[in-house]
């Protein structure tokens, strides 16, 4: 049985590493527009647990995930997973 690598993105939420296309900060106007339009289309998955959005994760199915940790923190967890390190929360 093959398992997909999962990345912890805060508050007990995980995303599939194999399905991530890009991780960006939500500060620019074009990204804010994509998020606003995505909410209207129903393609947003808000996994911030009510916290401020610090990263927008673009998934391969066209959905956007809103995360409450920074893109740098997510990238660090991806690198740790790639090295085979076990993350301790």
PDB file of N, CA and C in Angstrom:
ATOM      1  N   UNK A   1       0.840  -1.177   0.000  1.00  0.00           N
ATOM      2  CA  UNK A   1       0.000   0.000   0.000  1.00  0.00           C
ATOM      3  C   UNK A   1       0.889   1.245   0.000  1.00  0.00           C
ATOM      4  N   UNK A   2       0.661   2.108  -0.973  1.00  0.00           N
ATOM      5  CA  UNK A   2       1.450   3.328  -1.118  1.00  0.00           C
ATOM      6  C   UNK A   2       0.678   4.494  -0.510  1.00  0.00           C
ATOM      7  N   UNK A   3       1.354   5.277   0.317  1.00  0.00           N
ATOM      8  CA  UNK A   3       0.698   6.423   0.923  1.00  0.00           C
ATOM      9  C   UNK A   3       1.221   7.710   0.310  1.00  0.00           C
ATOM     10  N   UNK A   4       0.333   8.680   0.182  1.00  0.00           N
ATOM     11  CA  UNK A   4       0.722   9.994  -0.323  1.00  0.00           C
ATOM     12  C   UNK A   4       1.323  10.798   0.817  1.00  0.00           C
ATOM     13  N   UNK A   5       2.413  11.540   0.543  1.00  0.00           N
ATOM     14  CA  UNK A   5       2.975  12.379   1.601  1.00  0.00           C
ATOM     15  C   UNK A   5       2.020  13.529   1.930  1.00  0.00           C
ATOM     16  N   UNK A   6       1.771  13.721   3.213  1.00  0.00           N
ATOM     17  CA  UNK A   6       0.910  14.797   3.679  1.00  0.00           C
ATOM     18  C   UNK A   6       1.756  15.824   4.414  1.00  0.00           C
ATOM     19  N   UNK A   7       1.400  17.085   4.252  1.00  0.00           N
ATOM     20  CA  UNK A   7       2.107  18.177   4.916  1.00  0.00           C
ATOM     21  C   UNK A   7       1.151  18.837   5.903  1.00  0.00           C
ATOM     22  N   UNK A   8       1.619  18.988   7.145  1.00  0.00           N
ATOM     23  CA  UNK A   8       0.814  19.637   8.177  1.00  0.00           C
ATOM     24  C   UNK A   8       0.805  21.139   7.918  1.00  0.00           C
ATOM     25  N   UNK A   9      -0.390  21.725   7.793  1.00  0.00           N
ATOM     26  CA  UNK A   9      -0.500  23.160   7.513  1.00  0.00           C
ATOM     27  C   UNK A   9      -1.188  23.901   8.654  1.00  0.00           C
ATOM     28  N   UNK A  10      -1.133  23.329   9.834  1.00  0.00           N
ATOM     29  CA  UNK A  10      -1.627  24.003  11.020  1.00  0.00           C
ATOM     30  C   UNK A  10      -2.986  23.527  11.478  1.00  0.00           C
ATOM     31  N   UNK A  11      -3.145  23.531  12.815  1.00  0.00           N
ATOM     32  CA  UNK A  11      -4.422  23.249  13.467  1.00  0.00           C
ATOM     33  C   UNK A  11      -4.992  21.876  13.109  1.00  0.00           C
ATOM     34  N   UNK A  12      -4.122  20.891  12.943  1.00  0.00           N
ATOM     35  CA  UNK A  12      -4.561  19.539  12.631  1.00  0.00           C
ATOM     36  C   UNK A  12      -4.980  19.325  11.193  1.00  0.00           C
ATOM     37  N   UNK A  13      -4.657  20.259  10.313  1.00  0.00           N
ATOM     38  CA  UNK A  13      -5.008  20.146   8.897  1.00  0.00           C
ATOM     39  C   UNK A  13      -3.784  19.753   8.074  1.00  0.00           C
ATOM     40  N   UNK A  14      -4.017  18.888   7.083  1.00  0.00           N
ATOM     41  CA  UNK A  14      -2.950  18.398   6.213  1.00  0.00           C
ATOM     42  C   UNK A  14      -3.373  18.550   4.762  1.00  0.00           C
ATOM     43  N   UNK A  15      -2.371  18.728   3.892  1.00  0.00           N
ATOM     44  CA  UNK A  15      -2.635  18.741   2.451  1.00  0.00           C
ATOM     45  C   UNK A  15      -1.715  17.719   1.785  1.00  0.00           C
ATOM     46  N   UNK A  16      -2.155  17.197   0.671  1.00  0.00           N
ATOM     47  CA  UNK A  16      -1.382  16.214  -0.070  1.00  0.00           C
ATOM     48  C   UNK A  16      -0.277  16.916  -0.850  1.00  0.00           C
ATOM     49  N   UNK A  17       0.949  16.548  -0.573  1.00  0.00           N
ATOM     50  CA  UNK A  17       2.099  17.167  -1.227  1.00  0.00           C
ATOM     51  C   UNK A  17       2.066  16.955  -2.738  1.00  0.00           C
ATOM     52  N   UNK A  18       1.610  15.812  -3.187  1.00  0.00           N
ATOM     53  CA  UNK A  18       1.598  15.499  -4.618  1.00  0.00           C
ATOM     54  C   UNK A  18       0.574  16.309  -5.405  1.00  0.00           C
ATOM     55  N   UNK A  19      -0.335  16.970  -4.730  1.00  0.00           N
ATOM     56  CA  UNK A  19      -1.390  17.711  -5.419  1.00  0.00           C
ATOM     57  C   UNK A  19      -1.169  19.216  -5.407  1.00  0.00           C
ATOM     58  N   UNK A  20      -0.104  19.678  -4.757  1.00  0.00           N
ATOM     59  CA  UNK A  20       0.189  21.109  -4.651  1.00  0.00           C
ATOM     60  C   UNK A  20       0.884  21.595  -5.917  1.00  0.00           C
ATOM     61  N   UNK A  21       0.389  22.708  -6.453  1.00  0.00           N
ATOM     62  CA  UNK A  21       1.013  23.340  -7.614  1.00  0.00           C
ATOM     63  C   UNK A  21       1.874  24.518  -7.171  1.00  0.00           C
ATOM     64  N   UNK A  22       1.333  25.370  -6.290  1.00  0.00           N
ATOM     65  CA  UNK A  22       2.070  26.552  -5.844  1.00  0.00           C
ATOM     66  C   UNK A  22       1.585  26.969  -4.467  1.00  0.00           C
ATOM     67  N   UNK A  23       2.485  27.637  -3.729  1.00  0.00           N
ATOM     68  CA  UNK A  23       2.156  28.196  -2.416  1.00  0.00           C
ATOM     69  C   UNK A  23       2.571  29.654  -2.463  1.00  0.00           C
ATOM     70  N   UNK A  24       1.621  30.567  -2.262  1.00  0.00           N
ATOM     71  CA  UNK A  24       1.905  31.997  -2.405  1.00  0.00           C
ATOM     72  C   UNK A  24       1.370  32.773  -1.214  1.00  0.00           C
ATOM     73  N   UNK A  25       1.879  33.994  -1.041  1.00  0.00           N
ATOM     74  CA  UNK A  25       1.356  34.891  -0.015  1.00  0.00           C
ATOM     75  C   UNK A  25       0.096  35.569  -0.560  1.00  0.00           C
ATOM     76  N   UNK A  26      -0.840  35.894   0.306  1.00  0.00           N
ATOM     77  CA  UNK A  26      -2.116  36.456  -0.153  1.00  0.00           C
ATOM     78  C   UNK A  26      -2.127  37.976  -0.291  1.00  0.00           C
ATOM     79  N   UNK A  27      -0.967  38.620  -0.196  1.00  0.00           N
ATOM     80  CA  UNK A  27      -0.934  40.075  -0.140  1.00  0.00           C
ATOM     81  C   UNK A  27      -1.167  40.817  -1.434  1.00  0.00           C
ATOM     82  N   UNK A  28      -0.828  40.240  -2.573  1.00  0.00           N
ATOM     83  CA  UNK A  28      -0.932  40.996  -3.824  1.00  0.00           C
ATOM     84  C   UNK A  28      -2.370  41.075  -4.323  1.00  0.00           C
ATOM     85  N   UNK A  29      -2.661  42.107  -5.068  1.00  0.00           N
ATOM     86  CA  UNK A  29      -4.014  42.305  -5.589  1.00  0.00           C
ATOM     87  C   UNK A  29      -4.471  41.154  -6.493  1.00  0.00           C
ATOM     88  N   UNK A  30      -3.616  40.621  -7.376  1.00  0.00           N
ATOM     89  CA  UNK A  30      -4.083  39.508  -8.214  1.00  0.00           C
ATOM     90  C   UNK A  30      -4.463  38.267  -7.408  1.00  0.00           C
ATOM     91  N   UNK A  31      -3.704  37.958  -6.366  1.00  0.00           N
ATOM     92  CA  UNK A  31      -4.026  36.787  -5.534  1.00  0.00           C
ATOM     93  C   UNK A  31      -5.304  37.055  -4.750  1.00  0.00           C
ATOM     94  N   UNK A  32      -5.455  38.248  -4.217  1.00  0.00           N
ATOM     95  CA  UNK A  32      -6.683  38.595  -3.502  1.00  0.00           C
ATOM     96  C   UNK A  32      -7.893  38.478  -4.425  1.00  0.00           C
ATOM     97  N   UNK A  33      -7.727  38.882  -5.670  1.00  0.00           N
ATOM     98  CA  UNK A  33      -8.812  38.773  -6.655  1.00  0.00           C
ATOM     99  C   UNK A  33      -9.148  37.306  -6.915  1.00  0.00           C
ATOM    100  N   UNK A  34      -8.123  36.461  -7.063  1.00  0.00           N
ATOM    101  CA  UNK A  34      -8.359  35.029  -7.272  1.00  0.00           C
ATOM    102  C   UNK A  34      -9.108  34.412  -6.091  1.00  0.00           C
ATOM    103  N   UNK A  35      -8.725  34.808  -4.882  1.00  0.00           N
ATOM    104  CA  UNK A  35      -9.396  34.284  -3.686  1.00  0.00           C
ATOM    105  C   UNK A  35     -10.849  34.763  -3.650  1.00  0.00           C
ATOM    106  N   UNK A  36     -11.068  36.038  -3.909  1.00  0.00           N
ATOM    107  CA  UNK A  36     -12.432  36.593  -3.900  1.00  0.00           C
ATOM    108  C   UNK A  36     -13.302  35.894  -4.944  1.00  0.00           C
ATOM    109  N   UNK A  37     -12.767  35.734  -6.171  1.00  0.00           N
ATOM    110  CA  UNK A  37     -13.516  35.053  -7.228  1.00  0.00           C
ATOM    111  C   UNK A  37     -13.710  33.573  -6.892  1.00  0.00           C
ATOM    112  N   UNK A  38     -12.705  32.971  -6.261  1.00  0.00           N
ATOM    113  CA  UNK A  38     -12.794  31.565  -5.868  1.00  0.00           C
ATOM    114  C   UNK A  38     -13.886  31.323  -4.842  1.00  0.00           C
ATOM    115  N   UNK A  39     -14.072  32.272  -3.944  1.00  0.00           N
ATOM    116  CA  UNK A  39     -15.150  32.139  -2.953  1.00  0.00           C
ATOM    117  C   UNK A  39     -16.509  32.130  -3.644  1.00  0.00           C
ATOM    118  N   UNK A  40     -16.656  32.978  -4.667  1.00  0.00           N
ATOM    119  CA  UNK A  40     -17.916  33.021  -5.413  1.00  0.00           C
ATOM    120  C   UNK A  40     -18.153  31.717  -6.168  1.00  0.00           C
ATOM    121  N   UNK A  41     -17.070  31.116  -6.696  1.00  0.00           N
ATOM    122  CA  UNK A  41     -17.176  29.876  -7.466  1.00  0.00           C
ATOM    123  C   UNK A  41     -17.241  28.630  -6.584  1.00  0.00           C
ATOM    124  N   UNK A  42     -16.915  28.779  -5.307  1.00  0.00           N
ATOM    125  CA  UNK A  42     -16.947  27.635  -4.397  1.00  0.00           C
ATOM    126  C   UNK A  42     -15.735  26.729  -4.485  1.00  0.00           C
ATOM    127  N   UNK A  43     -14.591  27.277  -4.925  1.00  0.00           N
ATOM    128  CA  UNK A  43     -13.389  26.453  -5.044  1.00  0.00           C
ATOM    129  C   UNK A  43     -12.396  26.686  -3.908  1.00  0.00           C
ATOM    130  N   UNK A  44     -12.790  27.472  -2.919  1.00  0.00           N
ATOM    131  CA  UNK A  44     -11.924  27.784  -1.786  1.00  0.00           C
ATOM    132  C   UNK A  44     -12.174  26.785  -0.657  1.00  0.00           C
ATOM    133  N   UNK A  45     -11.068  26.291  -0.093  1.00  0.00           N
ATOM    134  CA  UNK A  45     -11.136  25.488   1.129  1.00  0.00           C
ATOM    135  C   UNK A  45     -10.391  26.279   2.197  1.00  0.00           C
ATOM    136  N   UNK A  46     -11.125  26.788   3.163  1.00  0.00           N
ATOM    137  CA  UNK A  46     -10.537  27.619   4.210  1.00  0.00           C
ATOM    138  C   UNK A  46     -10.151  26.715   5.375  1.00  0.00           C
ATOM    139  N   UNK A  47      -8.842  26.531   5.567  1.00  0.00           N
ATOM    140  CA  UNK A  47      -8.364  25.691   6.664  1.00  0.00           C
ATOM    141  C   UNK A  47      -7.585  26.532   7.682  1.00  0.00           C
ATOM    142  N   UNK A  48      -8.008  27.791   7.838  1.00  0.00           N
ATOM    143  CA  UNK A  48      -7.329  28.704   8.749  1.00  0.00           C
ATOM    144  C   UNK A  48      -7.851  28.613  10.180  1.00  0.00           C
ATOM    145  N   UNK A  49      -8.972  27.913  10.373  1.00  0.00           N
ATOM    146  CA  UNK A  49      -9.596  27.829  11.694  1.00  0.00           C
ATOM    147  C   UNK A  49      -9.905  29.223  12.242  1.00  0.00           C
ATOM    148  N   UNK A  50     -10.283  30.138  11.369  1.00  0.00           N
ATOM    149  CA  UNK A  50     -10.653  31.484  11.789  1.00  0.00           C
ATOM    150  C   UNK A  50      -9.491  32.443  11.947  1.00  0.00           C
ATOM    151  N   UNK A  51      -8.272  31.975  11.725  1.00  0.00           N
ATOM    152  CA  UNK A  51      -7.096  32.839  11.824  1.00  0.00           C
ATOM    153  C   UNK A  51      -6.896  33.604  10.513  1.00  0.00           C
ATOM    154  N   UNK A  52      -5.934  34.512  10.538  1.00  0.00           N
ATOM    155  CA  UNK A  52      -5.601  35.296   9.348  1.00  0.00           C
ATOM    156  C   UNK A  52      -4.951  34.397   8.294  1.00  0.00           C
ATOM    157  N   UNK A  53      -5.317  34.591   7.041  1.00  0.00           N
ATOM    158  CA  UNK A  53      -4.730  33.816   5.943  1.00  0.00           C
ATOM    159  C   UNK A  53      -3.316  34.320   5.680  1.00  0.00           C
ATOM    160  N   UNK A  54      -2.344  33.403   5.766  1.00  0.00           N
ATOM    161  CA  UNK A  54      -0.954  33.758   5.511  1.00  0.00           C
ATOM    162  C   UNK A  54      -0.410  33.081   4.258  1.00  0.00           C
ATOM    163  N   UNK A  55      -1.139  32.082   3.732  1.00  0.00           N
ATOM    164  CA  UNK A  55      -0.697  31.406   2.510  1.00  0.00           C
ATOM    165  C   UNK A  55      -1.906  30.938   1.724  1.00  0.00           C
ATOM    166  N   UNK A  56      -1.775  30.989   0.408  1.00  0.00           N
ATOM    167  CA  UNK A  56      -2.781  30.443  -0.497  1.00  0.00           C
ATOM    168  C   UNK A  56      -2.094  29.306  -1.246  1.00  0.00           C
ATOM    169  N   UNK A  57      -2.677  28.109  -1.161  1.00  0.00           N
ATOM    170  CA  UNK A  57      -2.092  26.931  -1.796  1.00  0.00           C
ATOM    171  C   UNK A  57      -2.953  26.569  -3.000  1.00  0.00           C
ATOM    172  N   UNK A  58      -2.336  26.564  -4.182  1.00  0.00           N
ATOM    173  CA  UNK A  58      -3.026  26.193  -5.414  1.00  0.00           C
ATOM    174  C   UNK A  58      -2.900  24.684  -5.575  1.00  0.00           C
ATOM    175  N   UNK A  59      -4.045  24.009  -5.756  1.00  0.00           N
ATOM    176  CA  UNK A  59      -4.061  22.555  -5.881  1.00  0.00           C
ATOM    177  C   UNK A  59      -4.287  22.163  -7.344  1.00  0.00           C
ATOM    178  N   UNK A  60      -3.931  20.928  -7.687  1.00  0.00           N
ATOM    179  CA  UNK A  60      -4.015  20.470  -9.078  1.00  0.00           C
ATOM    180  C   UNK A  60      -5.442  20.302  -9.586  1.00  0.00           C
ATOM    181  N   UNK A  61      -6.425  20.288  -8.694  1.00  0.00           N
ATOM    182  CA  UNK A  61      -7.820  20.170  -9.134  1.00  0.00           C
ATOM    183  C   UNK A  61      -8.480  21.530  -9.339  1.00  0.00           C
ATOM    184  N   UNK A  62      -7.685  22.612  -9.225  1.00  0.00           N
ATOM    185  CA  UNK A  62      -8.213  23.957  -9.426  1.00  0.00           C
ATOM    186  C   UNK A  62      -8.686  24.635  -8.160  1.00  0.00           C
ATOM    187  N   UNK A  63      -8.677  23.924  -7.049  1.00  0.00           N
ATOM    188  CA  UNK A  63      -9.120  24.529  -5.794  1.00  0.00           C
ATOM    189  C   UNK A  63      -7.978  25.320  -5.160  1.00  0.00           C
ATOM    190  N   UNK A  64      -8.356  26.216  -4.246  1.00  0.00           N
ATOM    191  CA  UNK A  64      -7.398  27.016  -3.493  1.00  0.00           C
ATOM    192  C   UNK A  64      -7.599  26.724  -2.016  1.00  0.00           C
ATOM    193  N   UNK A  65      -6.512  26.476  -1.316  1.00  0.00           N
ATOM    194  CA  UNK A  65      -6.561  26.244   0.125  1.00  0.00           C
ATOM    195  C   UNK A  65      -6.011  27.480   0.816  1.00  0.00           C
ATOM    196  N   UNK A  66      -6.727  27.993   1.798  1.00  0.00           N
ATOM    197  CA  UNK A  66      -6.261  29.136   2.577  1.00  0.00           C
ATOM    198  C   UNK A  66      -5.687  28.607   3.877  1.00  0.00           C
ATOM    199  N   UNK A  67      -4.409  28.880   4.134  1.00  0.00           N
ATOM    200  CA  UNK A  67      -3.723  28.364   5.316  1.00  0.00           C
ATOM    201  C   UNK A  67      -3.304  29.503   6.237  1.00  0.00           C
ATOM    202  N   UNK A  68      -3.216  29.208   7.523  1.00  0.00           N
ATOM    203  CA  UNK A  68      -2.873  30.211   8.524  1.00  0.00           C
ATOM    204  C   UNK A  68      -1.392  30.204   8.873  1.00  0.00           C
ATOM    205  N   UNK A  69      -0.573  29.455   8.135  1.00  0.00           N
ATOM    206  CA  UNK A  69       0.872  29.502   8.335  1.00  0.00           C
ATOM    207  C   UNK A  69       1.511  30.038   7.053  1.00  0.00           C
ATOM    208  N   UNK A  70       2.714  30.552   7.174  1.00  0.00           N
ATOM    209  CA  UNK A  70       3.364  31.219   6.046  1.00  0.00           C
ATOM    210  C   UNK A  70       3.823  30.222   4.977  1.00  0.00           C
ATOM    211  N   UNK A  71       3.969  30.699   3.744  1.00  0.00           N
ATOM    212  CA  UNK A  71       4.508  29.834   2.695  1.00  0.00           C
ATOM    213  C   UNK A  71       5.896  29.291   3.057  1.00  0.00           C
ATOM    214  N   UNK A  72       6.699  30.100   3.749  1.00  0.00           N
ATOM    215  CA  UNK A  72       8.029  29.659   4.157  1.00  0.00           C
ATOM    216  C   UNK A  72       7.946  28.479   5.122  1.00  0.00           C
ATOM    217  N   UNK A  73       6.999  28.534   6.049  1.00  0.00           N
ATOM    218  CA  UNK A  73       6.826  27.436   7.007  1.00  0.00           C
ATOM    219  C   UNK A  73       6.378  26.166   6.289  1.00  0.00           C
ATOM    220  N   UNK A  74       5.461  26.308   5.342  1.00  0.00           N
ATOM    221  CA  UNK A  74       5.003  25.143   4.572  1.00  0.00           C
ATOM    222  C   UNK A  74       6.160  24.572   3.766  1.00  0.00           C
ATOM    223  N   UNK A  75       6.944  25.446   3.117  1.00  0.00           N
ATOM    224  CA  UNK A  75       8.088  24.986   2.320  1.00  0.00           C
ATOM    225  C   UNK A  75       9.106  24.262   3.199  1.00  0.00           C
ATOM    226  N   UNK A  76       9.317  24.752   4.400  1.00  0.00           N
ATOM    227  CA  UNK A  76      10.236  24.080   5.328  1.00  0.00           C
ATOM    228  C   UNK A  76       9.745  22.685   5.681  1.00  0.00           C
ATOM    229  N   UNK A  77       8.445  22.534   5.854  1.00  0.00           N
ATOM    230  CA  UNK A  77       7.879  21.221   6.154  1.00  0.00           C
ATOM    231  C   UNK A  77       7.983  20.291   4.953  1.00  0.00           C
ATOM    232  N   UNK A  78       7.851  20.862   3.746  1.00  0.00           N
ATOM    233  CA  UNK A  78       8.024  20.065   2.529  1.00  0.00           C
ATOM    234  C   UNK A  78       9.462  19.575   2.448  1.00  0.00           C
ATOM    235  N   UNK A  79      10.429  20.469   2.702  1.00  0.00           N
ATOM    236  CA  UNK A  79      11.844  20.075   2.663  1.00  0.00           C
ATOM    237  C   UNK A  79      12.146  19.004   3.707  1.00  0.00           C
ATOM    238  N   UNK A  80      11.586  19.154   4.898  1.00  0.00           N
ATOM    239  CA  UNK A  80      11.809  18.163   5.958  1.00  0.00           C
ATOM    240  C   UNK A  80      11.242  16.811   5.551  1.00  0.00           C
ATOM    241  N   UNK A  81      10.091  16.818   4.917  1.00  0.00           N
ATOM    242  CA  UNK A  81       9.478  15.579   4.455  1.00  0.00           C
ATOM    243  C   UNK A  81      10.320  14.947   3.351  1.00  0.00           C
ATOM    244  N   UNK A  82      10.841  15.781   2.451  1.00  0.00           N
ATOM    245  CA  UNK A  82      11.672  15.275   1.360  1.00  0.00           C
ATOM    246  C   UNK A  82      12.954  14.634   1.873  1.00  0.00           C
ATOM    247  N   UNK A  83      13.491  15.171   2.975  1.00  0.00           N
ATOM    248  CA  UNK A  83      14.690  14.598   3.568  1.00  0.00           C
ATOM    249  C   UNK A  83      14.384  13.349   4.383  1.00  0.00           C
ATOM    250  N   UNK A  84      13.103  13.096   4.614  1.00  0.00           N
ATOM    251  CA  UNK A  84      12.722  11.934   5.400  1.00  0.00           C
ATOM    252  C   UNK A  84      12.684  12.191   6.889  1.00  0.00           C
ATOM    253  N   UNK A  85      12.764  13.457   7.263  1.00  0.00           N
ATOM    254  CA  UNK A  85      12.720  13.804   8.683  1.00  0.00           C
ATOM    255  C   UNK A  85      11.300  13.677   9.209  1.00  0.00           C
ATOM    256  N   UNK A  86      11.174  13.362  10.457  1.00  0.00           N
ATOM    257  CA  UNK A  86       9.881  13.276  11.107  1.00  0.00           C
ATOM    258  C   UNK A  86       9.611  14.608  11.777  1.00  0.00           C
ATOM    259  N   UNK A  87       8.467  15.186  11.499  1.00  0.00           N
ATOM    260  CA  UNK A  87       8.115  16.474  12.089  1.00  0.00           C
ATOM    261  C   UNK A  87       7.494  16.258  13.456  1.00  0.00           C
ATOM    262  N   UNK A  88       7.884  17.104  14.395  1.00  0.00           N
ATOM    263  CA  UNK A  88       7.303  17.061  15.726  1.00  0.00           C
ATOM    264  C   UNK A  88       6.510  18.328  15.916  1.00  0.00           C
ATOM    265  N   UNK A  89       5.264  18.180  16.284  1.00  0.00           N
ATOM    266  CA  UNK A  89       4.397  19.360  16.473  1.00  0.00           C
ATOM    267  C   UNK A  89       4.293  19.665  17.942  1.00  0.00           C
TER     268      UNK A  89
END
